[in-house]
Amino acid sequence: MAGQVWSMNATGGYLANPKLSKTLRNATQPMYKFRQFTRMEKAIGKGRGDTVDFNKVSNVQTTGGTISEASRIPETNILLRRGQLVMSEYGNSIPYTGKLDDLSEFSVDNMITVALRNDMARVMDTAVATKFKESDVSYTPTSASAGTFDLDGTVNTSATANLNVFHVKEIVDAMKTGIYGAIGTGNPVPPWDGENYVAIASVKALRGIKDDPDFEEVVKYADPERLLTGEVGRFYGVRFIETNNTSALSNGVGSSSVLGEAIFFGADPVIEAVAVAEEIRAKIPEDYGRSKGVAWYALLGFENVWDFSTDSEDHIVVVRST
């Protein structure tokens, strides 16, 4: 048709400008749950090198007992073992031009800073999760009422069932006694808070547990102020933390991706050493202010404390599959 129309810029569309919303929308972020469970090593900082050694003390090598009046008290010894943590640099950056900064209706610096802070949290959470998953001890559900342990850090079994309350009981009983089915025995694992173990689980891993009426929801706790970040319930002496960070724990592994990954642990599972804590840094402008940027940076590291192959104990059990 002739005349002026909105659908064409030359005949009417240019008579108004699109309205730009004043609200920026950031991409959604997964839940980050692992970092809260690391133990910070004291007296670590700049000028101390990149390596932190830590000692581990064994139980006595010969158990004491009754002695007769004429006998001497028996003598024994302990063993000292040493672990090592090596710190690494972490970081990411987003450069931008001075022209963009000068012409944008929004603060480019603030927008980029929010995105980098989210990236920093994701990287740190995944780095800690990776250390947890390096545990020698793993458990793989093979049916709704059976599962198998591995103690050498290598999983040889494909999961054919998702995690449920039977498997939780099997894992907790093994941690309490140090007896991992028929394949090995080690030292018992002390509870994380003196009474309970902790499990960080993927959304899928919690499905079978939440459906059981024995699972105790957070709202039923007597002292909610003691809740851990992300805690969703308690069962069989385990405090459950839910995460949807699939970079840390997968929602589908094993046969037909039936299993959601989870990690059970007791006291002192992973330590952390920091030379430079995570921080946001602004780039020194270059080219007379035309080249700018923002970055995050950290110099730190994480390491498992215990190793079943050398210490006869490991404070972490990873629910996983080939």
Protein backbone atom coordinates (compact mmCIF):
# COMPACT_ATOMS: atom_id res chain seq x y z
CA MET A 1 0.00 0.00 0.00
CA ALA A 2 1.08 3.62 -0.52
CA GLY A 3 1.53 6.12 2.30
CA GLN A 4 3.37 5.93 5.60
CA VAL A 5 3.74 2.62 7.42
CA TRP A 6 5.54 1.58 10.63
CA SER A 7 6.96 -1.62 9.20
CA MET A 8 9.46 0.21 6.96
CA ASN A 9 12.04 2.60 8.42
CA ALA A 10 11.91 5.01 5.47
CA THR A 11 8.13 5.43 5.62
CA GLY A 12 7.60 5.62 9.35
CA GLY A 13 9.78 3.32 11.42
CA TYR A 14 12.39 6.02 12.03
CA LEU A 15 9.79 8.20 13.77
CA ALA A 16 10.56 6.44 17.08
CA ASN A 17 13.57 4.77 18.68
CA PRO A 18 13.40 1.39 20.40
CA LYS A 19 13.30 1.80 24.19
CA LEU A 20 16.28 0.27 25.99
CA SER A 21 15.42 -1.33 29.32
CA LYS A 22 17.46 0.08 32.20
CA THR A 23 17.71 -3.37 33.81
CA LEU A 24 20.55 -5.72 32.90
CA ARG A 25 19.80 -9.43 33.07
CA ASN A 26 22.65 -11.73 34.02
CA ALA A 27 22.75 -15.38 33.04
CA THR A 28 21.67 -17.70 35.85
CA GLN A 29 24.39 -19.38 37.90
CA PRO A 30 24.57 -22.85 39.44
CA MET A 31 24.85 -23.35 43.19
CA TYR A 32 28.40 -23.44 44.55
CA LYS A 33 28.71 -25.65 47.64
CA PHE A 34 32.18 -27.19 47.91
CA ARG A 35 34.39 -24.31 49.06
CA GLN A 36 32.77 -24.06 52.51
CA PHE A 37 34.19 -27.48 53.43
CA THR A 38 37.89 -26.79 52.90
CA ARG A 39 40.15 -26.12 55.89
CA MET A 40 42.43 -23.13 55.51
CA GLU A 41 46.07 -23.73 56.36
CA LYS A 42 47.38 -21.01 58.70
CA ALA A 43 50.38 -18.74 58.13
CA ILE A 44 50.32 -19.07 54.36
CA GLY A 45 50.74 -15.97 52.20
CA LYS A 46 53.09 -14.13 49.89
CA GLY A 47 56.82 -14.75 50.11
CA ARG A 48 56.55 -18.36 51.28
CA GLY A 49 56.88 -20.30 48.03
CA ASP A 50 54.20 -22.25 46.17
CA THR A 51 54.39 -25.52 48.14
CA VAL A 52 52.87 -26.40 51.51
CA ASP A 53 53.89 -29.61 53.28
CA PHE A 54 51.62 -31.10 55.94
CA ASN A 55 52.16 -34.01 58.32
CA LYS A 56 49.77 -36.85 59.12
CA VAL A 57 50.11 -39.00 62.25
CA SER A 58 49.16 -42.68 62.20
CA ASN A 59 47.59 -44.67 65.00
CA VAL A 60 49.93 -46.61 67.27
CA GLN A 61 51.44 -49.58 65.43
CA THR A 62 50.78 -52.07 68.24
CA THR A 63 47.65 -51.84 70.35
CA GLY A 64 48.06 -51.70 74.11
CA GLY A 65 46.30 -54.00 76.59
CA THR A 66 46.51 -55.64 79.97
CA ILE A 67 49.90 -56.45 81.49
CA SER A 68 50.94 -58.65 84.36
CA GLU A 69 52.57 -57.24 87.48
CA ALA A 70 56.02 -58.57 86.63
CA SER A 71 55.94 -57.47 82.99
CA ARG A 72 57.17 -54.23 81.52
CA ILE A 73 54.75 -51.93 79.77
CA PRO A 74 54.97 -52.77 76.05
CA GLU A 75 56.45 -50.25 73.69
CA THR A 76 55.26 -49.24 70.23
CA ASN A 77 55.54 -46.32 67.85
CA ILE A 78 53.61 -44.11 65.45
CA LEU A 79 54.31 -43.29 61.81
CA LEU A 80 54.53 -39.82 60.34
CA ARG A 81 53.52 -39.31 56.72
CA ARG A 82 53.76 -36.13 54.72
CA GLY A 83 51.39 -34.68 52.15
CA GLN A 84 52.05 -31.79 49.82
CA LEU A 85 49.90 -29.01 48.38
CA VAL A 86 51.08 -26.98 45.39
CA MET A 87 49.43 -23.63 44.71
CA SER A 88 48.51 -22.50 41.20
CA GLU A 89 47.49 -19.29 39.51
CA TYR A 90 43.85 -18.89 38.49
CA GLY A 91 42.24 -16.10 36.53
CA ASN A 92 40.21 -14.77 33.64
CA SER A 93 39.75 -11.36 32.01
CA ILE A 94 37.53 -9.35 29.68
CA PRO A 95 39.09 -6.49 27.71
CA TYR A 96 37.00 -3.62 26.33
CA THR A 97 37.60 -0.40 24.44
CA GLY A 98 37.50 3.13 25.73
CA LYS A 99 35.02 3.98 22.97
CA LEU A 100 32.56 1.37 24.26
CA ASP A 101 32.94 2.76 27.77
CA ASP A 102 32.39 6.35 26.58
CA LEU A 103 29.29 5.64 24.48
CA SER A 104 27.50 2.96 26.53
CA GLU A 105 24.41 3.87 28.58
CA PHE A 106 25.49 1.27 31.16
CA SER A 107 28.64 0.94 33.26
CA VAL A 108 30.74 -1.49 31.24
CA ASP A 109 33.07 -2.01 34.21
CA ASN A 110 30.22 -3.03 36.55
CA MET A 111 28.64 -5.34 33.97
CA ILE A 112 31.92 -7.15 33.32
CA THR A 113 32.77 -7.33 37.04
CA VAL A 114 29.53 -9.18 37.81
CA ALA A 115 30.21 -11.71 35.04
CA LEU A 116 33.79 -12.26 36.21
CA ARG A 117 32.74 -12.71 39.85
CA ASN A 118 30.33 -15.43 38.72
CA ASP A 119 33.09 -17.07 36.70
CA MET A 120 35.47 -16.87 39.67
CA ALA A 121 32.98 -18.62 41.96
CA ARG A 122 32.33 -21.34 39.38
CA VAL A 123 36.03 -22.02 38.80
CA MET A 124 36.84 -22.19 42.52
CA ASP A 125 33.91 -24.48 43.31
CA THR A 126 34.84 -26.83 40.47
CA ALA A 127 38.51 -26.83 41.52
CA VAL A 128 37.58 -27.92 45.06
CA ALA A 129 35.15 -30.53 43.72
CA THR A 130 37.91 -31.94 41.51
CA LYS A 131 40.09 -32.49 44.58
CA PHE A 132 37.26 -34.20 46.44
CA LYS A 133 36.76 -36.51 43.46
CA GLU A 134 40.42 -37.58 43.54
CA SER A 135 39.66 -39.72 46.59
CA ASP A 136 40.83 -43.33 46.40
CA VAL A 137 37.49 -44.57 47.76
CA SER A 138 34.43 -44.78 45.56
CA TYR A 139 31.03 -46.48 45.64
CA THR A 140 28.95 -47.56 42.65
CA PRO A 141 25.27 -48.63 42.95
CA THR A 142 24.71 -51.83 40.97
CA SER A 143 21.03 -52.25 41.84
CA ALA A 144 18.44 -50.77 44.19
CA SER A 145 19.82 -52.97 46.97
CA ALA A 146 23.47 -53.53 46.09
CA GLY A 147 26.65 -51.62 45.37
CA THR A 148 30.40 -52.04 45.20
CA PHE A 149 33.38 -50.15 46.65
CA ASP A 150 36.71 -49.40 44.99
CA LEU A 151 39.76 -48.39 47.04
CA ASP A 152 42.46 -47.71 44.44
CA GLY A 153 41.11 -44.51 42.88
CA THR A 154 39.99 -46.33 39.73
CA VAL A 155 36.32 -47.14 39.15
CA ASN A 156 35.79 -50.45 37.35
CA THR A 157 32.00 -50.75 37.64
CA SER A 158 29.18 -49.14 35.67
CA ALA A 159 26.24 -47.97 37.77
CA THR A 160 22.89 -49.56 36.93
CA ALA A 161 20.83 -47.77 39.60
CA ASN A 162 20.54 -44.31 41.11
CA LEU A 163 21.49 -43.50 44.69
CA ASN A 164 18.89 -44.38 47.33
CA VAL A 165 18.64 -44.79 51.11
CA PHE A 166 20.05 -48.35 50.99
CA HIS A 167 23.23 -47.06 49.38
CA VAL A 168 23.46 -44.20 51.87
CA LYS A 169 23.39 -46.71 54.74
CA GLU A 170 26.07 -48.84 53.06
CA ILE A 171 28.37 -45.84 52.63
CA VAL A 172 27.84 -44.51 56.15
CA ASP A 173 28.36 -47.93 57.74
CA ALA A 174 31.63 -48.29 55.82
CA MET A 175 32.83 -44.85 56.93
CA LYS A 176 31.94 -45.57 60.56
CA THR A 177 33.66 -48.95 60.66
CA GLY A 178 36.39 -48.60 58.04
CA ILE A 179 35.13 -51.84 56.45
CA TYR A 180 34.49 -51.35 52.73
CA GLY A 181 32.54 -54.45 51.84
CA ALA A 182 34.75 -57.46 51.17
CA ILE A 183 37.57 -55.61 49.42
CA GLY A 184 39.39 -53.75 52.18
CA THR A 185 39.57 -52.42 55.71
CA GLY A 186 40.95 -49.13 56.97
CA ASN A 187 40.58 -46.67 59.80
CA PRO A 188 37.10 -45.32 60.60
CA VAL A 189 36.25 -41.86 59.28
CA PRO A 190 35.45 -39.24 61.96
CA PRO A 191 32.15 -37.34 61.41
CA TRP A 192 32.41 -33.86 59.95
CA ASP A 193 30.81 -32.03 62.90
CA GLY A 194 31.40 -34.68 65.57
CA GLU A 195 27.98 -36.24 64.98
CA ASN A 196 27.15 -36.21 61.27
CA TYR A 197 28.83 -36.83 57.96
CA VAL A 198 28.16 -34.53 55.00
CA ALA A 199 27.10 -35.41 51.46
CA ILE A 200 27.16 -32.99 48.54
CA ALA A 201 24.89 -34.46 45.89
CA SER A 202 23.69 -33.63 42.41
CA VAL A 203 19.99 -33.00 41.87
CA LYS A 204 19.51 -36.45 40.37
CA ALA A 205 21.38 -38.22 43.16
CA LEU A 206 18.97 -36.77 45.73
CA ARG A 207 15.85 -37.87 43.91
CA GLY A 208 15.81 -41.41 45.28
CA ILE A 209 16.69 -40.20 48.79
CA LYS A 210 14.09 -37.41 48.96
CA ASP A 211 11.31 -39.78 47.93
CA ASP A 212 11.87 -41.88 51.05
CA PRO A 213 9.71 -40.92 54.07
CA ASP A 214 12.67 -41.38 56.41
CA PHE A 215 14.41 -38.40 54.83
CA GLU A 216 14.19 -35.43 57.20
CA GLU A 217 13.57 -32.06 55.58
CA VAL A 218 15.34 -28.92 56.70
CA VAL A 219 12.13 -27.29 57.90
CA LYS A 220 11.83 -29.94 60.61
CA TYR A 221 15.18 -29.11 62.20
CA ALA A 222 15.13 -27.86 65.77
CA ASP A 223 17.96 -25.35 65.22
CA PRO A 224 17.83 -23.97 61.65
CA GLU A 225 20.56 -21.43 62.43
CA ARG A 226 23.08 -24.28 62.23
CA LEU A 227 22.23 -25.13 58.63
CA LEU A 228 25.05 -25.35 56.13
CA THR A 229 24.82 -23.43 52.87
CA GLY A 230 22.56 -25.42 50.54
CA GLU A 231 21.54 -27.98 53.17
CA VAL A 232 18.28 -29.69 52.23
CA GLY A 233 17.86 -32.49 54.76
CA ARG A 234 19.32 -35.10 57.05
CA PHE A 235 19.23 -38.89 57.02
CA TYR A 236 21.13 -41.69 58.75
CA GLY A 237 23.68 -39.33 60.26
CA VAL A 238 24.34 -37.47 57.00
CA ARG A 239 23.69 -33.78 56.31
CA PHE A 240 22.81 -33.44 52.62
CA ILE A 241 23.87 -30.48 50.48
CA GLU A 242 22.32 -30.11 47.02
CA THR A 243 24.21 -28.65 44.07
CA ASN A 244 23.21 -28.12 40.45
CA ASN A 245 26.75 -27.30 39.34
CA THR A 246 27.15 -30.04 36.72
CA SER A 247 30.79 -29.03 36.20
CA ALA A 248 31.37 -30.37 39.72
CA LEU A 249 28.94 -33.30 39.92
CA SER A 250 27.25 -34.92 36.94
CA ASN A 251 23.52 -35.53 36.78
CA GLY A 252 23.93 -38.62 34.64
CA VAL A 253 26.67 -41.28 34.62
CA GLY A 254 26.69 -45.05 34.32
CA SER A 255 24.37 -47.29 32.33
CA SER A 256 21.80 -45.09 30.53
CA SER A 257 23.09 -42.17 32.66
CA VAL A 258 21.08 -43.59 35.56
CA LEU A 259 23.31 -42.29 38.39
CA GLY A 260 23.68 -38.80 39.77
CA GLU A 261 27.11 -38.22 41.31
CA ALA A 262 27.55 -37.48 45.02
CA ILE A 263 30.37 -37.09 47.53
CA PHE A 264 30.24 -38.25 51.17
CA PHE A 265 32.90 -37.09 53.62
CA GLY A 266 33.86 -36.71 57.25
CA ALA A 267 36.19 -34.36 59.12
CA ASP A 268 39.18 -32.66 57.46
CA PRO A 269 38.68 -33.83 53.86
CA VAL A 270 40.47 -31.11 51.86
CA ILE A 271 42.84 -28.32 52.87
CA GLU A 272 43.36 -24.94 51.23
CA ALA A 273 46.40 -22.68 51.05
CA VAL A 274 46.27 -19.09 49.80
CA ALA A 275 49.08 -16.78 48.73
CA VAL A 276 46.77 -14.31 46.97
CA ALA A 277 43.04 -14.58 47.63
CA GLU A 278 40.60 -14.16 44.74
CA GLU A 279 40.29 -10.54 43.72
CA ILE A 280 39.03 -8.36 40.91
CA ARG A 281 41.71 -6.33 39.15
CA ALA A 282 41.35 -3.43 36.72
CA LYS A 283 43.73 -3.32 33.80
CA ILE A 284 46.03 -0.29 33.60
CA PRO A 285 44.61 1.56 30.56
CA GLU A 286 46.77 1.41 27.44
CA ASP A 287 46.87 3.30 24.15
CA TYR A 288 46.07 6.57 25.94
CA GLY A 289 42.99 5.15 27.61
CA ARG A 290 41.54 3.44 24.54
CA SER A 291 42.28 -0.11 25.76
CA LYS A 292 40.77 -1.17 29.11
CA GLY A 293 39.88 -4.39 30.89
CA VAL A 294 38.87 -6.18 34.08
CA ALA A 295 40.20 -9.50 35.40
CA TRP A 296 39.94 -11.80 38.36
CA TYR A 297 43.06 -13.44 39.79
CA ALA A 298 44.04 -15.83 42.56
CA LEU A 299 47.14 -17.73 43.66
CA LEU A 300 46.08 -20.64 45.82
CA GLY A 301 45.63 -24.39 45.95
CA PHE A 302 43.65 -27.31 47.35
CA GLU A 303 44.67 -30.85 48.31
CA ASN A 304 43.15 -33.99 49.80
CA VAL A 305 44.45 -34.65 53.29
CA TRP A 306 44.19 -38.45 53.36
CA ASP A 307 45.15 -41.14 50.87
CA PHE A 308 43.87 -44.68 51.40
CA SER A 309 46.79 -46.30 49.61
CA THR A 310 49.35 -44.81 52.01
CA ASP A 311 47.35 -43.88 55.12
CA SER A 312 44.88 -46.80 55.29
CA GLU A 313 42.12 -44.22 55.56
CA ASP A 314 40.38 -41.73 53.33
CA HIS A 315 37.80 -39.26 54.60
CA ILE A 316 35.94 -39.04 51.27
CA VAL A 317 33.73 -41.53 49.42
CA VAL A 318 32.76 -40.59 45.87
CA VAL A 319 29.58 -42.05 44.37
CA ARG A 320 30.48 -42.52 40.72
CA SER A 321 30.61 -44.88 37.77
CA THR A 322 32.64 -45.82 34.72
